[in-house]
Amino acid sequence: MVTFSANIAYNAMPIEDTLNGVARIGTAVYPLASPRLMTPVCWDTNVVLTFRGRRLTIHAVEDISNYTGQKDLRYNIMPEPFYMTRAERRAEFEKLHGYPCTCRKCSPQYDADINPLKCVNMGCPNRIPSDDRALQPCSECGALNKERLVRFRRFLQQHENVKIRFRKELHVPMMMDLCKEMDAVDILQPDAHIRYVCGWGLPRTLYDDNRFEEGWKMMQEFIVCARNIYPKYEVSRAIVLSLAGMSAAIALKKLVVQRAGQVPAAEKEQLQAMLDTACPVILNYSHESADIFVTLYGEFSKQAMERRDMLTRTIALVHDIKKVFRNSK
């Protein structure tokens, strides 16, 4: 027996009759107000769905500028969302729809906005978003939190010291220890990009220095660390995966172009073994990234299409690498 599991999109929703009280009487299909074409959210709605008798009506609750179609309509059919905590709403949404909510109020930026930091100027009532913007001057009074900036500069100086003073094989674990330390002191939101600059920059620096083997080893170690640090932040993980695949493919092509026609036969065998090992991993990173975006945003979303475009370019690079290597034999 074979069992299949999948998310199914359908043009139907529960129908209620409001003429004689409120009674849920079944499920109906609405060709002109298709829930399949609208965007379900757990909280950040711009329309509400109501019944007049058995007729479904859409009411806008805010101005919908630049309307391009029903996908711009955000609705919620969860029972009593106002009495749920944010975590409960997100859990109920995923239970109903089979994927996490991605509305504005579920975004990391919204987290940063609703968990703000105080301005360093005690007389200023402004609240500073707790993401990378916290390193900028206050948008109201222009005050800069020098203590916070000094702490970040200390982290970045530690990053430079690791690059200069320690053996290459120690760089990645030490860089990731820095990232974890930044998480522990809770300066900014956990997925603020600046937290991960330490772990991401080093392998790419080695690629640029024509040291692909070292960079590739470190990149794989970085991905392992990123998987451990990013379990709650799928978008960040997906972006890291696709960039890791693309940057490694570019560096590997450069290596093959430079070395394929010049090295002895024995070294060509080593290069062949490297291609056989690295190319599938590069493609796996890019495929996984594209799959994550399809799951989060839908197959035809702009975000998923951008990742698929990156996947296509990475696949083309891998084909070019193999073609260059074959032609050099």
Protein backbone atom coordinates (compact mmCIF):
# COMPACT_ATOMS: atom_id res chain seq x y z
CA MET A 1 0.00 0.00 0.00
CA VAL A 2 1.33 3.44 -0.95
CA THR A 3 0.29 6.56 0.96
CA PHE A 4 0.63 10.03 -0.52
CA SER A 5 0.70 13.25 1.49
CA ALA A 6 0.41 16.76 0.04
CA ASN A 7 -1.13 20.20 0.51
CA ILE A 8 -4.22 20.59 -1.68
CA ALA A 9 -5.43 24.02 -2.85
CA TYR A 10 -9.20 24.14 -3.38
CA ASN A 11 -11.79 26.80 -4.15
CA ALA A 12 -14.10 26.15 -1.22
CA MET A 13 -14.78 27.26 2.34
CA PRO A 14 -17.43 26.73 5.06
CA ILE A 15 -20.81 28.32 4.29
CA GLU A 16 -22.97 29.90 6.96
CA ASP A 17 -26.59 30.94 6.87
CA THR A 18 -27.20 34.25 8.70
CA LEU A 19 -30.90 34.69 7.87
CA ASN A 20 -32.12 32.56 10.76
CA GLY A 21 -29.38 33.04 13.31
CA VAL A 22 -25.85 31.85 12.46
CA ALA A 23 -25.51 28.23 11.41
CA ARG A 24 -22.71 26.48 9.57
CA ILE A 25 -24.50 24.33 7.01
CA GLY A 26 -21.73 22.93 4.82
CA THR A 27 -18.99 23.82 2.36
CA ALA A 28 -19.47 25.91 -0.76
CA VAL A 29 -17.56 26.93 -3.89
CA TYR A 30 -17.36 30.67 -4.67
CA PRO A 31 -16.14 31.39 -8.22
CA LEU A 32 -16.04 35.18 -7.78
CA ALA A 33 -14.49 35.24 -4.30
CA SER A 34 -12.08 32.37 -4.43
CA PRO A 35 -10.22 31.68 -1.17
CA ARG A 36 -7.66 29.80 -3.30
CA LEU A 37 -6.79 33.06 -5.08
CA MET A 38 -6.73 35.24 -1.95
CA THR A 39 -3.97 35.22 0.68
CA PRO A 40 -4.79 33.66 4.05
CA VAL A 41 -3.05 35.23 7.07
CA CYS A 42 -3.19 34.69 10.80
CA TRP A 43 -3.65 38.36 11.74
CA ASP A 44 -2.65 41.10 9.27
CA THR A 45 -5.91 41.18 7.27
CA ASN A 46 -7.11 43.86 4.86
CA VAL A 47 -10.53 42.24 4.17
CA VAL A 48 -13.13 40.35 6.20
CA LEU A 49 -15.43 37.66 4.82
CA THR A 50 -19.07 37.88 5.94
CA PHE A 51 -22.34 36.23 4.98
CA ARG A 52 -25.62 37.87 4.02
CA GLY A 53 -27.88 34.89 4.23
CA ARG A 54 -25.89 32.33 2.27
CA ARG A 55 -24.10 34.89 0.12
CA LEU A 56 -20.40 35.47 0.82
CA THR A 57 -19.34 39.15 0.81
CA ILE A 58 -15.84 40.61 0.97
CA HIS A 59 -15.45 43.88 2.91
CA ALA A 60 -12.21 45.87 2.77
CA VAL A 61 -11.09 47.09 6.19
CA GLU A 62 -8.32 49.35 4.85
CA ASP A 63 -7.43 51.09 1.61
CA ILE A 64 -6.00 48.54 -0.85
CA SER A 65 -3.82 50.64 -3.11
CA ASN A 66 -2.30 49.34 -6.35
CA TYR A 67 -4.74 46.41 -6.45
CA THR A 68 -3.53 43.77 -8.93
CA GLY A 69 -5.82 40.85 -8.18
CA GLN A 70 -7.32 38.67 -5.45
CA LYS A 71 -3.85 37.69 -4.17
CA ASP A 72 -3.69 41.23 -2.70
CA LEU A 73 -6.67 40.40 -0.46
CA ARG A 74 -5.58 39.05 2.95
CA TYR A 75 -8.27 37.23 4.93
CA ASN A 76 -8.63 35.15 8.08
CA ILE A 77 -11.19 32.41 8.73
CA MET A 78 -9.81 31.20 12.06
CA PRO A 79 -12.34 31.18 14.90
CA GLU A 80 -11.81 33.97 17.46
CA PRO A 81 -8.22 34.95 16.57
CA PHE A 82 -8.50 38.00 18.86
CA TYR A 83 -8.47 35.73 21.89
CA MET A 84 -5.37 33.81 20.78
CA THR A 85 -1.76 34.57 21.56
CA ARG A 86 0.55 35.08 18.59
CA ALA A 87 2.01 31.58 19.05
CA GLU A 88 -1.49 30.07 19.20
CA ARG A 89 -2.58 31.92 16.04
CA ARG A 90 0.48 30.73 14.13
CA ALA A 91 -0.02 27.14 15.28
CA GLU A 92 -3.73 27.19 14.35
CA PHE A 93 -2.94 28.75 10.96
CA GLU A 94 -0.38 26.04 10.14
CA LYS A 95 -2.87 23.38 11.26
CA LEU A 96 -5.53 24.79 8.90
CA HIS A 97 -3.35 25.52 5.87
CA GLY A 98 -0.40 23.15 6.16
CA TYR A 99 2.30 25.86 6.07
CA PRO A 100 3.46 28.74 8.33
CA CYS A 101 1.89 32.19 8.07
CA THR A 102 4.14 34.75 6.34
CA CYS A 103 2.12 37.92 6.93
CA ARG A 104 3.82 41.14 8.00
CA LYS A 105 3.07 40.55 11.68
CA CYS A 106 4.85 37.18 11.53
CA SER A 107 8.01 38.62 9.97
CA PRO A 108 11.33 39.13 11.77
CA GLN A 109 11.08 42.86 10.99
CA TYR A 110 7.74 43.02 12.82
CA ASP A 111 9.36 41.22 15.75
CA ALA A 112 11.96 43.96 15.73
CA ASP A 113 9.25 46.63 15.67
CA ILE A 114 7.13 45.20 18.49
CA ASN A 115 10.12 44.42 20.73
CA PRO A 116 11.85 47.80 20.46
CA LEU A 117 14.81 49.19 22.37
CA LYS A 118 14.81 52.48 24.24
CA CYS A 119 16.55 55.45 22.73
CA VAL A 120 19.82 56.23 24.51
CA ASN A 121 18.55 59.81 24.90
CA MET A 122 16.38 59.51 28.02
CA GLY A 123 14.32 62.55 26.97
CA CYS A 124 13.40 60.99 23.60
CA PRO A 125 10.18 58.92 23.50
CA ASN A 126 11.22 57.12 20.27
CA ARG A 127 11.48 53.33 20.28
CA ILE A 128 14.35 51.83 18.26
CA PRO A 129 13.63 48.66 16.21
CA SER A 130 15.68 45.79 17.62
CA ASP A 131 17.28 44.67 14.34
CA ASP A 132 20.24 46.10 12.39
CA ARG A 133 18.54 49.52 12.53
CA ALA A 134 19.51 49.67 16.21
CA LEU A 135 23.07 50.45 15.09
CA GLN A 136 21.91 53.62 13.30
CA PRO A 137 21.20 57.06 14.83
CA CYS A 138 17.72 57.50 16.34
CA SER A 139 15.24 58.54 13.63
CA GLU A 140 13.73 61.15 15.98
CA CYS A 141 16.60 62.85 17.83
CA GLY A 142 19.68 61.53 16.02
CA ALA A 143 21.24 60.05 19.17
CA LEU A 144 23.52 57.04 18.66
CA ASN A 145 23.86 54.27 21.25
CA LYS A 146 27.64 54.26 21.40
CA GLU A 147 27.77 51.44 23.94
CA ARG A 148 25.85 49.11 21.62
CA LEU A 149 28.04 50.13 18.71
CA VAL A 150 31.20 49.51 20.75
CA ARG A 151 29.97 46.02 21.62
CA PHE A 152 29.43 45.23 17.96
CA ARG A 153 32.80 46.64 16.99
CA ARG A 154 34.33 44.36 19.63
CA PHE A 155 32.69 41.36 17.95
CA LEU A 156 33.91 42.43 14.54
CA GLN A 157 37.42 43.03 15.91
CA GLN A 158 37.38 39.51 17.34
CA HIS A 159 36.41 38.35 13.85
CA GLU A 160 39.45 40.11 12.35
CA ASN A 161 41.73 38.72 15.06
CA VAL A 162 40.58 35.17 14.32
CA LYS A 163 41.30 35.66 10.60
CA ILE A 164 44.82 36.99 11.27
CA ARG A 165 46.08 35.09 14.29
CA PHE A 166 44.61 31.58 14.18
CA ARG A 167 45.05 28.57 11.92
CA LYS A 168 42.53 28.31 9.09
CA GLU A 169 41.01 25.08 10.39
CA LEU A 170 39.99 26.91 13.58
CA HIS A 171 38.29 29.81 11.84
CA VAL A 172 34.79 28.43 11.27
CA PRO A 173 34.13 27.03 14.76
CA MET A 174 35.55 30.19 16.34
CA MET A 175 33.47 32.42 14.08
CA MET A 176 30.32 30.48 14.94
CA ASP A 177 31.21 30.73 18.63
CA LEU A 178 31.23 34.50 18.13
CA CYS A 179 27.78 34.31 16.56
CA LYS A 180 26.47 32.23 19.46
CA GLU A 181 27.96 34.72 21.92
CA MET A 182 26.12 37.51 20.10
CA ASP A 183 22.91 35.51 20.49
CA ALA A 184 23.58 35.00 24.19
CA VAL A 185 23.97 38.71 24.97
CA ASP A 186 20.74 39.43 23.05
CA ILE A 187 21.84 42.72 21.48
CA LEU A 188 19.67 42.39 18.37
CA GLN A 189 17.12 40.05 16.83
CA PRO A 190 18.52 36.51 16.33
CA ASP A 191 18.34 36.62 12.53
CA ALA A 192 19.92 40.08 12.10
CA HIS A 193 22.28 39.66 9.17
CA ILE A 194 25.26 41.22 10.90
CA ARG A 195 25.37 38.33 13.39
CA TYR A 196 26.43 35.90 10.71
CA VAL A 197 28.95 37.96 8.76
CA CYS A 198 31.73 36.32 10.72
CA GLY A 199 30.91 32.78 9.62
CA TRP A 200 29.92 33.56 6.03
CA GLY A 201 32.76 35.77 4.83
CA LEU A 202 35.70 33.49 5.44
CA PRO A 203 35.02 30.69 2.90
CA ARG A 204 34.23 33.25 0.20
CA THR A 205 37.51 35.03 0.95
CA LEU A 206 39.33 31.75 0.34
CA TYR A 207 37.44 31.28 -2.94
CA ASP A 208 38.59 34.72 -4.07
CA ASP A 209 42.16 33.75 -3.11
CA ASN A 210 42.02 30.69 -5.45
CA ARG A 211 41.99 28.32 -2.47
CA PHE A 212 38.84 26.44 -3.38
CA GLU A 213 39.54 23.25 -1.41
CA GLU A 214 39.96 25.12 1.88
CA GLY A 215 37.00 27.40 1.20
CA TRP A 216 34.78 24.48 0.21
CA LYS A 217 35.62 22.61 3.42
CA MET A 218 34.84 25.67 5.52
CA MET A 219 31.65 26.42 3.57
CA GLN A 220 30.32 22.95 4.34
CA GLU A 221 31.21 23.40 8.02
CA PHE A 222 29.47 26.77 7.98
CA ILE A 223 26.32 25.19 6.53
CA VAL A 224 26.33 22.62 9.33
CA CYS A 225 26.59 25.45 11.86
CA ALA A 226 23.93 27.48 10.05
CA ARG A 227 21.53 24.53 10.15
CA ASN A 228 22.01 24.34 13.92
CA ILE A 229 21.57 28.08 14.47
CA TYR A 230 18.77 28.68 11.96
CA PRO A 231 16.12 26.05 12.84
CA LYS A 232 13.51 28.78 13.52
CA TYR A 233 14.55 30.98 10.60
CA GLU A 234 13.84 29.01 7.45
CA VAL A 235 14.09 32.00 5.12
CA SER A 236 17.58 32.82 6.38
CA ARG A 237 18.64 29.20 6.05
CA ALA A 238 17.27 28.98 2.50
CA ILE A 239 19.09 32.15 1.43
CA VAL A 240 22.35 30.89 2.93
CA LEU A 241 21.95 27.55 1.12
CA SER A 242 21.33 29.10 -2.30
CA LEU A 243 24.19 31.59 -1.91
CA ALA A 244 26.49 28.79 -0.73
CA GLY A 245 25.64 26.73 -3.82
CA MET A 246 26.04 29.63 -6.24
CA SER A 247 29.31 30.96 -4.79
CA ALA A 248 30.85 27.48 -4.64
CA ALA A 249 29.85 26.78 -8.26
CA ILE A 250 31.43 30.06 -9.44
CA ALA A 251 34.66 29.31 -7.53
CA LEU A 252 34.78 25.72 -8.77
CA LYS A 253 34.34 26.78 -12.38
CA LYS A 254 37.19 29.27 -11.97
CA LEU A 255 39.38 26.50 -10.53
CA VAL A 256 38.60 24.08 -13.37
CA VAL A 257 39.21 26.69 -16.05
CA GLN A 258 42.58 27.53 -14.51
CA ARG A 259 43.81 24.01 -13.76
CA ALA A 260 42.12 21.51 -16.05
CA GLY A 261 44.41 22.00 -19.03
CA GLN A 262 47.64 22.35 -17.05
CA VAL A 263 47.83 19.64 -14.39
CA PRO A 264 49.27 16.10 -14.81
CA ALA A 265 46.98 13.12 -15.30
CA ALA A 266 47.24 12.06 -11.63
CA GLU A 267 46.09 15.51 -10.46
CA LYS A 268 43.27 15.43 -13.00
CA GLU A 269 42.00 12.33 -11.26
CA GLN A 270 42.00 14.25 -7.99
CA LEU A 271 40.16 17.12 -9.70
CA GLN A 272 37.62 14.63 -11.10
CA ALA A 273 37.09 13.22 -7.61
CA MET A 274 36.52 16.74 -6.28
CA LEU A 275 33.94 17.45 -8.98
CA ASP A 276 32.19 14.16 -8.26
CA THR A 277 31.98 15.09 -4.58
CA ALA A 278 31.27 18.82 -4.71
CA CYS A 279 28.81 19.15 -7.62
CA PRO A 280 26.01 17.01 -6.08
CA VAL A 281 26.32 18.88 -2.77
CA ILE A 282 26.19 22.27 -4.55
CA LEU A 283 23.02 21.21 -6.37
CA ASN A 284 21.49 19.82 -3.17
CA TYR A 285 21.99 23.18 -1.42
CA SER A 286 20.23 25.01 -4.27
CA HIS A 287 17.39 22.46 -4.55
CA GLU A 288 16.76 22.56 -0.80
CA SER A 289 16.67 26.36 -0.85
CA ALA A 290 14.12 26.41 -3.69
CA ASP A 291 11.97 23.79 -1.92
CA ILE A 292 11.91 25.84 1.30
CA PHE A 293 10.68 28.95 -0.54
CA VAL A 294 7.99 26.96 -2.39
CA THR A 295 6.77 25.56 0.94
CA LEU A 296 6.76 28.95 2.66
CA TYR A 297 5.40 31.20 -0.09
CA GLY A 298 3.81 28.96 -2.73
CA GLU A 299 5.04 27.60 -6.04
CA PHE A 300 4.23 30.72 -8.07
CA SER A 301 5.32 33.37 -5.56
CA LYS A 302 7.95 35.95 -6.45
CA GLN A 303 10.23 34.63 -3.69
CA ALA A 304 10.05 31.02 -4.92
CA MET A 305 10.59 32.07 -8.55
CA GLU A 306 13.71 34.05 -7.58
CA ARG A 307 15.18 30.99 -5.83
CA ARG A 308 14.30 28.75 -8.76
CA ASP A 309 16.05 31.21 -11.06
CA MET A 310 19.12 30.97 -8.84
CA LEU A 311 18.83 27.18 -8.93
CA THR A 312 18.69 27.25 -12.75
CA ARG A 313 21.82 29.40 -12.90
CA THR A 314 23.62 27.09 -10.46
CA ILE A 315 22.67 24.03 -12.55
CA ALA A 316 23.99 25.78 -15.67
CA LEU A 317 27.29 26.53 -13.87
CA VAL A 318 27.67 22.88 -12.85
CA HIS A 319 27.06 21.78 -16.46
CA ASP A 320 29.67 24.30 -17.63
CA ILE A 321 32.17 22.97 -15.07
CA LYS A 322 31.74 19.40 -16.28
CA LYS A 323 31.91 20.48 -19.92
CA VAL A 324 35.15 22.42 -19.41
CA PHE A 325 36.68 19.46 -17.58
CA ARG A 326 35.66 16.97 -20.30
CA ASN A 327 37.05 19.20 -23.06
CA SER A 328 40.39 19.48 -21.25
CA LYS A 329 41.06 15.74 -21.34
